[in-house]
Amino acid sequence: MEEEHKVDVKQALRVFNRVTRDGRKTHDGWHYQGLTVSTDFDGYTVFIHSNRVKLSIFFHNKFSVDYQNSNDLQEFLDLLARLDRD
């Protein structure tokens, strides 16, 4: 879907760092403000997800995003922007 180009990978990685710093660690990753973040076994792939959107960031900042509709994606992107700002 064309909305995928709106994903700012650098912003998402900053939010990932914030969630791992300020979030609560559990068996499935870190949880903070409606997001769950985790990595694969070697740390090269980063996962950031909400209830309705899953963003996977791969080596060299390639990414994929899974979502059902553009409203879900926009809410996710707004949350990333807010957590990056605050």
C-alpha atoms as a PDB file:
ATOM      1  CA  MET A   1       0.000   0.000   0.000  1.00  0.00           C
ATOM      2  CA  GLU A   2       1.224   3.484  -0.806  1.00  0.00           C
ATOM      3  CA  GLU A   3       1.101   4.749   2.803  1.00  0.00           C
ATOM      4  CA  GLU A   4       4.168   2.666   3.632  1.00  0.00           C
ATOM      5  CA  HIS A   5       6.428   5.390   2.288  1.00  0.00           C
ATOM      6  CA  LYS A   6       5.392   7.513   5.284  1.00  0.00           C
ATOM      7  CA  VAL A   7       7.406   5.327   7.691  1.00  0.00           C
ATOM      8  CA  ASP A   8      10.449   7.186   9.036  1.00  0.00           C
ATOM      9  CA  VAL A   9      12.876   4.388   9.933  1.00  0.00           C
ATOM     10  CA  LYS A  10      15.210   6.652  11.914  1.00  0.00           C
ATOM     11  CA  GLN A  11      12.292   7.910  13.980  1.00  0.00           C
ATOM     12  CA  ALA A  12      11.080   4.351  14.546  1.00  0.00           C
ATOM     13  CA  LEU A  13      14.539   3.326  15.779  1.00  0.00           C
ATOM     14  CA  ARG A  14      14.630   6.272  18.196  1.00  0.00           C
ATOM     15  CA  VAL A  15      11.236   5.174  19.531  1.00  0.00           C
ATOM     16  CA  PHE A  16      12.524   1.594  19.804  1.00  0.00           C
ATOM     17  CA  ASN A  17      15.376   2.875  21.993  1.00  0.00           C
ATOM     18  CA  ARG A  18      12.971   4.859  24.134  1.00  0.00           C
ATOM     19  CA  VAL A  19      10.686   1.886  24.660  1.00  0.00           C
ATOM     20  CA  THR A  20      13.617  -0.336  25.681  1.00  0.00           C
ATOM     21  CA  ARG A  21      14.817   2.388  28.055  1.00  0.00           C
ATOM     22  CA  ASP A  22      11.497   3.438  29.599  1.00  0.00           C
ATOM     23  CA  GLY A  23       9.293   0.396  29.013  1.00  0.00           C
ATOM     24  CA  ARG A  24       8.526  -2.717  31.022  1.00  0.00           C
ATOM     25  CA  LYS A  25      10.458  -5.850  30.030  1.00  0.00           C
ATOM     26  CA  THR A  26       8.447  -9.063  29.695  1.00  0.00           C
ATOM     27  CA  HIS A  27       8.943 -12.431  28.010  1.00  0.00           C
ATOM     28  CA  ASP A  28       7.866 -11.054  24.622  1.00  0.00           C
ATOM     29  CA  GLY A  29       9.743  -7.736  24.593  1.00  0.00           C
ATOM     30  CA  TRP A  30       9.375  -4.295  26.091  1.00  0.00           C
ATOM     31  CA  HIS A  31       5.994  -2.611  26.509  1.00  0.00           C
ATOM     32  CA  TYR A  32       5.419   1.133  26.640  1.00  0.00           C
ATOM     33  CA  GLN A  33       2.520   3.459  25.742  1.00  0.00           C
ATOM     34  CA  GLY A  34       0.696   0.906  23.574  1.00  0.00           C
ATOM     35  CA  LEU A  35       3.769  -0.411  21.765  1.00  0.00           C
ATOM     36  CA  THR A  36       5.656  -3.663  22.101  1.00  0.00           C
ATOM     37  CA  VAL A  37       9.201  -3.851  20.763  1.00  0.00           C
ATOM     38  CA  SER A  38      11.609  -6.746  20.363  1.00  0.00           C
ATOM     39  CA  THR A  39      14.466  -8.017  18.183  1.00  0.00           C
ATOM     40  CA  ASP A  40      15.318 -11.274  16.497  1.00  0.00           C
ATOM     41  CA  PHE A  41      17.975 -13.549  17.995  1.00  0.00           C
ATOM     42  CA  ASP A  42      20.947 -11.623  16.588  1.00  0.00           C
ATOM     43  CA  GLY A  43      19.542  -8.112  17.048  1.00  0.00           C
ATOM     44  CA  TYR A  44      19.671  -7.194  13.365  1.00  0.00           C
ATOM     45  CA  THR A  45      15.904  -7.157  12.919  1.00  0.00           C
ATOM     46  CA  VAL A  46      13.764  -4.874  15.072  1.00  0.00           C
ATOM     47  CA  PHE A  47      10.040  -5.344  15.596  1.00  0.00           C
ATOM     48  CA  ILE A  48       7.724  -2.553  16.716  1.00  0.00           C
ATOM     49  CA  HIS A  49       4.038  -3.278  16.984  1.00  0.00           C
ATOM     50  CA  SER A  50       0.786  -1.998  18.330  1.00  0.00           C
ATOM     51  CA  ASN A  51      -2.466  -3.931  18.459  1.00  0.00           C
ATOM     52  CA  ARG A  52      -3.101  -3.408  14.739  1.00  0.00           C
ATOM     53  CA  VAL A  53       0.226  -2.613  13.051  1.00  0.00           C
ATOM     54  CA  LYS A  54       3.540  -4.462  12.920  1.00  0.00           C
ATOM     55  CA  LEU A  55       6.685  -2.756  11.670  1.00  0.00           C
ATOM     56  CA  SER A  56       9.772  -4.876  10.992  1.00  0.00           C
ATOM     57  CA  ILE A  57      13.067  -3.076  10.381  1.00  0.00           C
ATOM     58  CA  PHE A  58      15.810  -5.125   8.768  1.00  0.00           C
ATOM     59  CA  PHE A  59      19.507  -4.665   8.162  1.00  0.00           C
ATOM     60  CA  HIS A  60      20.373  -1.515   6.148  1.00  0.00           C
ATOM     61  CA  ASN A  61      17.084   0.134   7.225  1.00  0.00           C
ATOM     62  CA  LYS A  62      14.897  -1.900   4.907  1.00  0.00           C
ATOM     63  CA  PHE A  63      11.470  -2.438   6.409  1.00  0.00           C
ATOM     64  CA  SER A  64       8.064  -3.978   6.038  1.00  0.00           C
ATOM     65  CA  VAL A  65       4.853  -2.892   7.659  1.00  0.00           C
ATOM     66  CA  ASP A  66       1.734  -5.006   8.113  1.00  0.00           C
ATOM     67  CA  TYR A  67      -1.635  -3.322   8.661  1.00  0.00           C
ATOM     68  CA  GLN A  68      -5.269  -3.731   7.688  1.00  0.00           C
ATOM     69  CA  ASN A  69      -6.199  -0.181   6.728  1.00  0.00           C
ATOM     70  CA  SER A  70      -4.669   3.254   6.331  1.00  0.00           C
ATOM     71  CA  ASN A  71      -6.314   4.579   9.514  1.00  0.00           C
ATOM     72  CA  ASP A  72      -4.523   1.931  11.587  1.00  0.00           C
ATOM     73  CA  LEU A  73      -1.225   2.846   9.972  1.00  0.00           C
ATOM     74  CA  GLN A  74      -1.781   6.563  10.511  1.00  0.00           C
ATOM     75  CA  GLU A  75      -2.570   6.032  14.213  1.00  0.00           C
ATOM     76  CA  PHE A  76       0.620   3.988  14.535  1.00  0.00           C
ATOM     77  CA  LEU A  77       2.702   6.664  12.790  1.00  0.00           C
ATOM     78  CA  ASP A  78       1.145   9.352  14.994  1.00  0.00           C
ATOM     79  CA  LEU A  79       2.070   7.339  18.087  1.00  0.00           C
ATOM     80  CA  LEU A  80       5.653   6.982  16.870  1.00  0.00           C
ATOM     81  CA  ALA A  81       5.832  10.739  16.251  1.00  0.00           C
ATOM     82  CA  ARG A  82       4.414  11.540  19.685  1.00  0.00           C
ATOM     83  CA  LEU A  83       6.822   9.209  21.484  1.00  0.00           C
ATOM     84  CA  ASP A  84       9.720  10.636  19.502  1.00  0.00           C
ATOM     85  CA  ARG A  85       8.729  14.204  20.439  1.00  0.00           C
ATOM     86  CA  ASP A  86       7.929  13.732  24.137  1.00  0.00           C
END
